[in-house]
């Protein structure tokens, strides 16, 4: 999977839920092989990305609603700025996780490290959006 594909985890796939690893004979709590660890880390990254996409959508919806009902005179601008900020954040996340991958490139942990980086960034950004926009 390319870095671009990993960086753009699709919302539809994330919302569909993680693949049933148990059906594949994989218990993520006791994963032993590198492949199992990577698959489980990818599932966690997808789940974190889905939660982030939900929070981002809620923040935008809240700003649109408050702009529409007149309770916030600057919310239209704030929503546009949020979109710009989110795009910049995605670039930061991708560059940061590319660096983590490069750091681990000589070992078998590179994919798991990248997935952990993506997961951590998504969880942090989700917390930020919930805090900043009182979600």
N, C-alpha and C. Protein backbone atom coordinates (compact mmCIF):
# COMPACT_ATOMS: atom_id res chain seq x y z
N UNK A 1 0.86 -1.17 0.00
CA UNK A 1 0.00 0.00 0.00
C UNK A 1 0.90 1.23 0.00
N UNK A 2 0.58 2.21 -0.80
CA UNK A 2 1.41 3.41 -0.89
C UNK A 2 1.16 4.34 0.27
N UNK A 3 2.12 5.25 0.47
CA UNK A 3 1.97 6.23 1.55
C UNK A 3 0.72 7.07 1.33
N UNK A 4 0.43 7.38 0.06
CA UNK A 4 -0.75 8.19 -0.23
C UNK A 4 -2.01 7.44 0.17
N UNK A 5 -2.07 6.16 -0.17
CA UNK A 5 -3.25 5.39 0.18
C UNK A 5 -3.40 5.27 1.69
N UNK A 6 -2.29 5.09 2.39
CA UNK A 6 -2.35 5.00 3.85
C UNK A 6 -2.77 6.32 4.47
N UNK A 7 -2.36 7.43 3.86
CA UNK A 7 -2.66 8.74 4.39
C UNK A 7 -4.09 9.17 4.13
N UNK A 8 -4.74 8.51 3.23
CA UNK A 8 -6.11 8.90 2.85
C UNK A 8 -7.06 7.75 3.13
N UNK A 9 -7.13 7.34 4.37
CA UNK A 9 -8.01 6.25 4.74
C UNK A 9 -9.44 6.65 4.42
N UNK A 10 -10.11 5.91 3.56
CA UNK A 10 -11.45 6.32 3.14
C UNK A 10 -12.46 6.21 4.27
N UNK A 11 -13.29 7.23 4.34
CA UNK A 11 -14.32 7.27 5.38
C UNK A 11 -15.28 6.10 5.23
N UNK A 12 -15.66 5.77 4.01
CA UNK A 12 -16.62 4.68 3.82
C UNK A 12 -16.08 3.37 4.38
N UNK A 13 -14.82 3.09 4.13
CA UNK A 13 -14.22 1.86 4.65
C UNK A 13 -14.14 1.90 6.16
N UNK A 14 -13.79 3.05 6.69
CA UNK A 14 -13.68 3.18 8.15
C UNK A 14 -15.05 3.04 8.81
N UNK A 15 -16.08 3.60 8.18
CA UNK A 15 -17.41 3.51 8.76
C UNK A 15 -17.95 2.09 8.69
N UNK A 16 -17.49 1.34 7.70
CA UNK A 16 -17.94 -0.04 7.57
C UNK A 16 -17.38 -0.89 8.70
N UNK A 17 -16.42 -0.36 9.43
CA UNK A 17 -15.83 -1.08 10.55
C UNK A 17 -14.62 -1.85 10.09
N UNK A 18 -13.84 -2.22 11.05
CA UNK A 18 -12.65 -2.97 10.75
C UNK A 18 -13.02 -4.36 10.23
N UNK A 19 -12.11 -4.91 9.47
CA UNK A 19 -12.29 -6.26 8.99
C UNK A 19 -12.37 -7.18 10.20
N UNK A 20 -13.17 -8.20 10.11
CA UNK A 20 -13.28 -9.15 11.21
C UNK A 20 -12.03 -10.02 11.22
N UNK A 21 -11.05 -9.58 12.00
CA UNK A 21 -9.77 -10.31 12.06
C UNK A 21 -9.95 -11.69 12.68
N UNK A 22 -10.92 -11.85 13.56
CA UNK A 22 -11.15 -13.16 14.18
C UNK A 22 -11.53 -14.18 13.11
N UNK A 23 -12.29 -13.74 12.11
CA UNK A 23 -12.66 -14.65 11.03
C UNK A 23 -11.43 -15.08 10.23
N UNK A 24 -10.38 -14.27 10.29
CA UNK A 24 -9.13 -14.61 9.62
C UNK A 24 -8.18 -15.38 10.54
N UNK A 25 -8.65 -15.64 11.76
CA UNK A 25 -7.82 -16.35 12.72
C UNK A 25 -6.81 -15.45 13.42
N UNK A 26 -7.08 -14.14 13.43
CA UNK A 26 -6.17 -13.19 14.05
C UNK A 26 -6.84 -12.57 15.27
N UNK A 27 -6.18 -12.67 16.39
CA UNK A 27 -6.62 -12.02 17.62
C UNK A 27 -5.68 -10.84 17.85
N UNK A 28 -6.16 -9.64 17.63
CA UNK A 28 -5.29 -8.46 17.74
C UNK A 28 -4.71 -8.28 19.14
N UNK A 29 -5.37 -8.81 20.16
CA UNK A 29 -4.85 -8.70 21.52
C UNK A 29 -3.61 -9.58 21.72
N UNK A 30 -3.49 -10.61 20.89
CA UNK A 30 -2.35 -11.51 21.03
C UNK A 30 -1.61 -11.71 19.71
N UNK A 31 -1.65 -10.70 18.84
CA UNK A 31 -0.97 -10.79 17.55
C UNK A 31 0.51 -11.12 17.76
N UNK A 32 1.02 -12.00 16.92
CA UNK A 32 2.42 -12.40 17.09
C UNK A 32 3.28 -12.08 15.87
N UNK A 33 2.75 -12.24 14.68
CA UNK A 33 3.57 -11.99 13.48
C UNK A 33 3.53 -10.52 13.09
N UNK A 34 4.51 -10.11 12.33
CA UNK A 34 4.56 -8.73 11.84
C UNK A 34 3.31 -8.43 11.02
N UNK A 35 2.89 -9.38 10.19
CA UNK A 35 1.70 -9.16 9.37
C UNK A 35 0.47 -8.94 10.25
N UNK A 36 0.32 -9.74 11.28
CA UNK A 36 -0.82 -9.58 12.18
C UNK A 36 -0.79 -8.22 12.88
N UNK A 37 0.38 -7.85 13.37
CA UNK A 37 0.52 -6.54 14.02
C UNK A 37 0.17 -5.41 13.05
N UNK A 38 0.64 -5.51 11.80
CA UNK A 38 0.38 -4.48 10.80
C UNK A 38 -1.11 -4.39 10.48
N UNK A 39 -1.76 -5.54 10.32
CA UNK A 39 -3.20 -5.54 10.02
C UNK A 39 -4.00 -4.93 11.17
N UNK A 40 -3.65 -5.30 12.38
CA UNK A 40 -4.36 -4.76 13.54
C UNK A 40 -4.10 -3.26 13.71
N UNK A 41 -2.86 -2.84 13.46
CA UNK A 41 -2.54 -1.41 13.53
C UNK A 41 -3.29 -0.64 12.46
N UNK A 42 -3.44 -1.23 11.29
CA UNK A 42 -4.20 -0.59 10.21
C UNK A 42 -5.67 -0.44 10.61
N UNK A 43 -6.22 -1.45 11.26
CA UNK A 43 -7.62 -1.37 11.73
C UNK A 43 -7.78 -0.24 12.75
N UNK A 44 -6.83 -0.13 13.68
CA UNK A 44 -6.90 0.94 14.68
C UNK A 44 -6.81 2.31 14.01
N UNK A 45 -5.96 2.44 13.00
CA UNK A 45 -5.83 3.70 12.28
C UNK A 45 -7.14 4.05 11.56
N UNK A 46 -7.76 3.06 10.95
CA UNK A 46 -9.04 3.29 10.27
C UNK A 46 -10.11 3.73 11.26
N UNK A 47 -10.15 3.07 12.41
CA UNK A 47 -11.15 3.44 13.43
C UNK A 47 -10.93 4.87 13.93
N UNK A 48 -9.67 5.22 14.18
CA UNK A 48 -9.35 6.58 14.64
C UNK A 48 -9.70 7.61 13.57
N UNK A 49 -9.46 7.26 12.31
CA UNK A 49 -9.77 8.16 11.21
C UNK A 49 -11.29 8.36 11.09
N UNK A 50 -12.05 7.31 11.30
CA UNK A 50 -13.51 7.43 11.25
C UNK A 50 -14.03 8.36 12.34
N UNK A 51 -13.47 8.23 13.55
CA UNK A 51 -13.87 9.12 14.64
C UNK A 51 -13.48 10.57 14.34
N UNK A 52 -12.31 10.76 13.77
CA UNK A 52 -11.87 12.10 13.38
C UNK A 52 -12.81 12.69 12.33
N UNK A 53 -13.15 11.90 11.32
CA UNK A 53 -14.05 12.40 10.27
C UNK A 53 -15.41 12.77 10.84
N UNK A 54 -15.88 12.03 11.81
CA UNK A 54 -17.16 12.35 12.47
C UNK A 54 -17.05 13.68 13.22
N UNK A 55 -15.99 13.85 14.01
CA UNK A 55 -15.81 15.10 14.76
C UNK A 55 -15.66 16.29 13.83
N UNK A 56 -14.91 16.12 12.75
CA UNK A 56 -14.71 17.19 11.77
C UNK A 56 -16.05 17.57 11.13
N UNK A 57 -16.83 16.58 10.76
CA UNK A 57 -18.15 16.84 10.19
C UNK A 57 -19.07 17.55 11.17
N UNK A 58 -19.00 17.14 12.43
CA UNK A 58 -19.82 17.79 13.46
C UNK A 58 -19.41 19.24 13.66
N UNK A 59 -18.11 19.49 13.66
CA UNK A 59 -17.63 20.87 13.83
C UNK A 59 -18.11 21.74 12.67
N UNK A 60 -17.97 21.24 11.45
CA UNK A 60 -18.42 22.02 10.29
C UNK A 60 -19.92 22.24 10.33
N UNK A 61 -20.67 21.20 10.69
CA UNK A 61 -22.12 21.33 10.76
C UNK A 61 -22.53 22.34 11.82
N UNK A 62 -21.86 22.30 12.95
CA UNK A 62 -22.16 23.26 14.02
C UNK A 62 -21.91 24.68 13.55
N UNK A 63 -20.79 24.91 12.87
CA UNK A 63 -20.49 26.25 12.37
C UNK A 63 -21.51 26.70 11.33
N UNK A 64 -21.90 25.79 10.44
CA UNK A 64 -22.93 26.13 9.43
C UNK A 64 -24.26 26.46 10.09
N UNK A 65 -24.63 25.66 11.09
CA UNK A 65 -25.90 25.87 11.78
C UNK A 65 -25.92 27.21 12.51
N UNK A 66 -24.84 27.51 13.21
CA UNK A 66 -24.79 28.77 13.95
C UNK A 66 -24.74 29.97 13.01
N UNK A 67 -24.13 29.81 11.85
CA UNK A 67 -24.13 30.89 10.86
C UNK A 67 -25.54 31.09 10.31
N UNK A 68 -26.24 29.98 10.07
CA UNK A 68 -27.58 30.05 9.50
C UNK A 68 -28.60 30.63 10.47
N UNK A 69 -28.48 30.29 11.75
CA UNK A 69 -29.48 30.80 12.69
C UNK A 69 -29.11 32.17 13.26
N UNK A 70 -27.96 32.69 12.86
CA UNK A 70 -27.56 34.03 13.27
C UNK A 70 -26.92 34.12 14.64
N UNK A 71 -26.70 32.98 15.29
CA UNK A 71 -26.11 33.03 16.63
C UNK A 71 -24.60 33.24 16.60
N UNK A 72 -24.03 33.19 15.41
CA UNK A 72 -22.57 33.38 15.27
C UNK A 72 -22.32 34.16 13.98
N UNK A 73 -21.88 35.38 14.11
CA UNK A 73 -21.71 36.23 12.93
C UNK A 73 -20.45 35.90 12.13
N UNK A 74 -19.53 35.19 12.72
CA UNK A 74 -18.27 34.88 12.03
C UNK A 74 -18.12 33.39 11.73
N UNK A 75 -19.18 32.62 11.89
CA UNK A 75 -19.08 31.17 11.73
C UNK A 75 -18.87 30.74 10.27
N UNK A 76 -19.35 31.50 9.32
CA UNK A 76 -19.09 31.16 7.92
C UNK A 76 -17.60 31.24 7.65
N UNK A 77 -16.97 32.32 8.11
CA UNK A 77 -15.52 32.46 7.97
C UNK A 77 -14.80 31.38 8.77
N UNK A 78 -15.29 31.08 9.94
CA UNK A 78 -14.66 30.07 10.79
C UNK A 78 -14.70 28.69 10.11
N UNK A 79 -15.81 28.38 9.45
CA UNK A 79 -15.89 27.09 8.76
C UNK A 79 -14.89 27.03 7.61
N UNK A 80 -14.78 28.11 6.85
CA UNK A 80 -13.81 28.14 5.76
C UNK A 80 -12.38 28.01 6.30
N UNK A 81 -12.11 28.65 7.40
CA UNK A 81 -10.79 28.56 8.02
C UNK A 81 -10.53 27.16 8.56
N UNK A 82 -11.57 26.51 9.08
CA UNK A 82 -11.42 25.14 9.55
C UNK A 82 -11.05 24.20 8.40
N UNK A 83 -11.68 24.38 7.26
CA UNK A 83 -11.37 23.55 6.10
C UNK A 83 -9.90 23.74 5.70
N UNK A 84 -9.45 24.97 5.65
CA UNK A 84 -8.05 25.26 5.32
C UNK A 84 -7.12 24.63 6.36
N UNK A 85 -7.50 24.78 7.63
CA UNK A 85 -6.67 24.22 8.72
C UNK A 85 -6.61 22.70 8.64
N UNK A 86 -7.74 22.07 8.32
CA UNK A 86 -7.76 20.61 8.24
C UNK A 86 -6.89 20.12 7.08
N UNK A 87 -6.93 20.82 5.97
CA UNK A 87 -6.07 20.45 4.84
C UNK A 87 -4.59 20.59 5.21
N UNK A 88 -4.26 21.64 5.92
CA UNK A 88 -2.88 21.84 6.37
C UNK A 88 -2.50 20.76 7.39
N UNK A 89 -3.42 20.42 8.28
CA UNK A 89 -3.17 19.38 9.26
C UNK A 89 -2.89 18.04 8.57
N UNK A 90 -3.64 17.73 7.52
CA UNK A 90 -3.44 16.48 6.77
C UNK A 90 -2.03 16.44 6.19
N UNK A 91 -1.58 17.56 5.65
CA UNK A 91 -0.22 17.61 5.11
C UNK A 91 0.81 17.40 6.22
N UNK A 92 0.60 18.04 7.36
CA UNK A 92 1.50 17.86 8.51
C UNK A 92 1.52 16.40 8.94
N UNK A 93 0.35 15.81 9.10
CA UNK A 93 0.25 14.42 9.52
C UNK A 93 0.99 13.50 8.56
N UNK A 94 0.75 13.70 7.27
CA UNK A 94 1.38 12.84 6.27
C UNK A 94 2.90 12.98 6.28
N UNK A 95 3.39 14.20 6.36
CA UNK A 95 4.85 14.42 6.39
C UNK A 95 5.45 13.83 7.67
N UNK A 96 4.77 14.03 8.78
CA UNK A 96 5.26 13.50 10.04
C UNK A 96 5.32 11.98 10.00
N UNK A 97 4.27 11.36 9.52
CA UNK A 97 4.23 9.90 9.47
C UNK A 97 5.16 9.34 8.39
N UNK A 98 5.40 10.10 7.34
CA UNK A 98 6.44 9.70 6.36
C UNK A 98 7.80 9.66 7.04
N UNK A 99 8.08 10.63 7.91
CA UNK A 99 9.36 10.67 8.62
C UNK A 99 9.47 9.48 9.58
N UNK A 100 8.38 9.14 10.25
CA UNK A 100 8.38 7.99 11.16
C UNK A 100 8.65 6.71 10.37
N UNK A 101 8.00 6.58 9.22
CA UNK A 101 8.21 5.41 8.36
C UNK A 101 9.67 5.34 7.92
N UNK A 102 10.22 6.47 7.49
CA UNK A 102 11.62 6.49 7.04
C UNK A 102 12.57 6.11 8.17
N UNK A 103 12.28 6.57 9.38
CA UNK A 103 13.11 6.26 10.53
C UNK A 103 13.16 4.74 10.77
N UNK A 104 12.03 4.08 10.53
CA UNK A 104 11.92 2.64 10.77
C UNK A 104 12.10 1.81 9.49
N UNK A 105 12.51 2.44 8.39
CA UNK A 105 12.52 1.78 7.09
C UNK A 105 13.40 0.54 7.02
N UNK A 106 14.40 0.46 7.85
CA UNK A 106 15.30 -0.69 7.79
C UNK A 106 14.78 -1.90 8.57
N UNK A 107 13.68 -1.75 9.23
CA UNK A 107 13.17 -2.85 10.04
C UNK A 107 11.76 -3.27 9.65
N UNK A 108 11.30 -4.32 10.27
CA UNK A 108 9.97 -4.83 9.96
C UNK A 108 8.86 -4.03 10.65
N UNK A 109 9.24 -3.11 11.52
CA UNK A 109 8.22 -2.35 12.26
C UNK A 109 7.76 -1.09 11.52
N UNK A 110 8.26 -0.86 10.31
CA UNK A 110 7.97 0.40 9.62
C UNK A 110 6.48 0.62 9.37
N UNK A 111 5.77 -0.41 8.93
CA UNK A 111 4.34 -0.24 8.65
C UNK A 111 3.55 -0.01 9.94
N UNK A 112 3.86 -0.77 10.97
CA UNK A 112 3.19 -0.59 12.25
C UNK A 112 3.47 0.78 12.85
N UNK A 113 4.72 1.24 12.69
CA UNK A 113 5.08 2.56 13.20
C UNK A 113 4.30 3.65 12.48
N UNK A 114 4.16 3.50 11.17
CA UNK A 114 3.40 4.48 10.39
C UNK A 114 1.93 4.47 10.82
N UNK A 115 1.36 3.28 11.00
CA UNK A 115 -0.04 3.17 11.42
C UNK A 115 -0.23 3.77 12.81
N UNK A 116 0.73 3.53 13.69
CA UNK A 116 0.66 4.11 15.04
C UNK A 116 0.71 5.64 14.96
N UNK A 117 1.56 6.16 14.10
CA UNK A 117 1.65 7.61 13.90
C UNK A 117 0.32 8.17 13.41
N UNK A 118 -0.27 7.52 12.40
CA UNK A 118 -1.55 7.97 11.86
C UNK A 118 -2.64 7.91 12.93
N UNK A 119 -2.64 6.84 13.71
CA UNK A 119 -3.63 6.69 14.77
C UNK A 119 -3.49 7.79 15.82
N UNK A 120 -2.26 8.02 16.25
CA UNK A 120 -2.01 9.03 17.28
C UNK A 120 -2.41 10.42 16.79
N UNK A 121 -2.03 10.75 15.56
CA UNK A 121 -2.41 12.05 15.01
C UNK A 121 -3.94 12.19 14.93
N UNK A 122 -4.61 11.16 14.47
CA UNK A 122 -6.08 11.22 14.35
C UNK A 122 -6.73 11.38 15.72
N UNK A 123 -6.24 10.63 16.71
CA UNK A 123 -6.81 10.75 18.06
C UNK A 123 -6.57 12.15 18.63
N UNK A 124 -5.38 12.66 18.43
CA UNK A 124 -5.07 14.01 18.93
C UNK A 124 -5.93 15.06 18.25
N UNK A 125 -6.07 14.96 16.94
CA UNK A 125 -6.88 15.94 16.20
C UNK A 125 -8.35 15.84 16.59
N UNK A 126 -8.82 14.64 16.82
CA UNK A 126 -10.21 14.46 17.26
C UNK A 126 -10.43 15.16 18.59
N UNK A 127 -9.50 14.98 19.52
CA UNK A 127 -9.60 15.66 20.83
C UNK A 127 -9.59 17.17 20.64
N UNK A 128 -8.73 17.67 19.77
CA UNK A 128 -8.66 19.11 19.52
C UNK A 128 -9.99 19.64 19.00
N UNK A 129 -10.54 18.98 17.99
CA UNK A 129 -11.80 19.44 17.42
C UNK A 129 -12.92 19.43 18.45
N UNK A 130 -12.98 18.37 19.24
CA UNK A 130 -14.01 18.28 20.28
C UNK A 130 -13.86 19.39 21.31
N UNK A 131 -12.62 19.69 21.64
CA UNK A 131 -12.35 20.74 22.61
C UNK A 131 -12.61 22.12 22.02
N UNK A 132 -12.02 22.41 20.88
CA UNK A 132 -12.11 23.74 20.27
C UNK A 132 -13.54 24.11 19.89
N UNK A 133 -14.32 23.13 19.42
CA UNK A 133 -15.67 23.42 18.93
C UNK A 133 -16.75 22.91 19.88
N UNK A 134 -16.33 22.56 21.11
CA UNK A 134 -17.25 22.17 22.18
C UNK A 134 -18.23 21.09 21.72
N UNK A 135 -17.69 20.05 21.13
CA UNK A 135 -18.52 18.95 20.62
C UNK A 135 -18.76 17.92 21.71
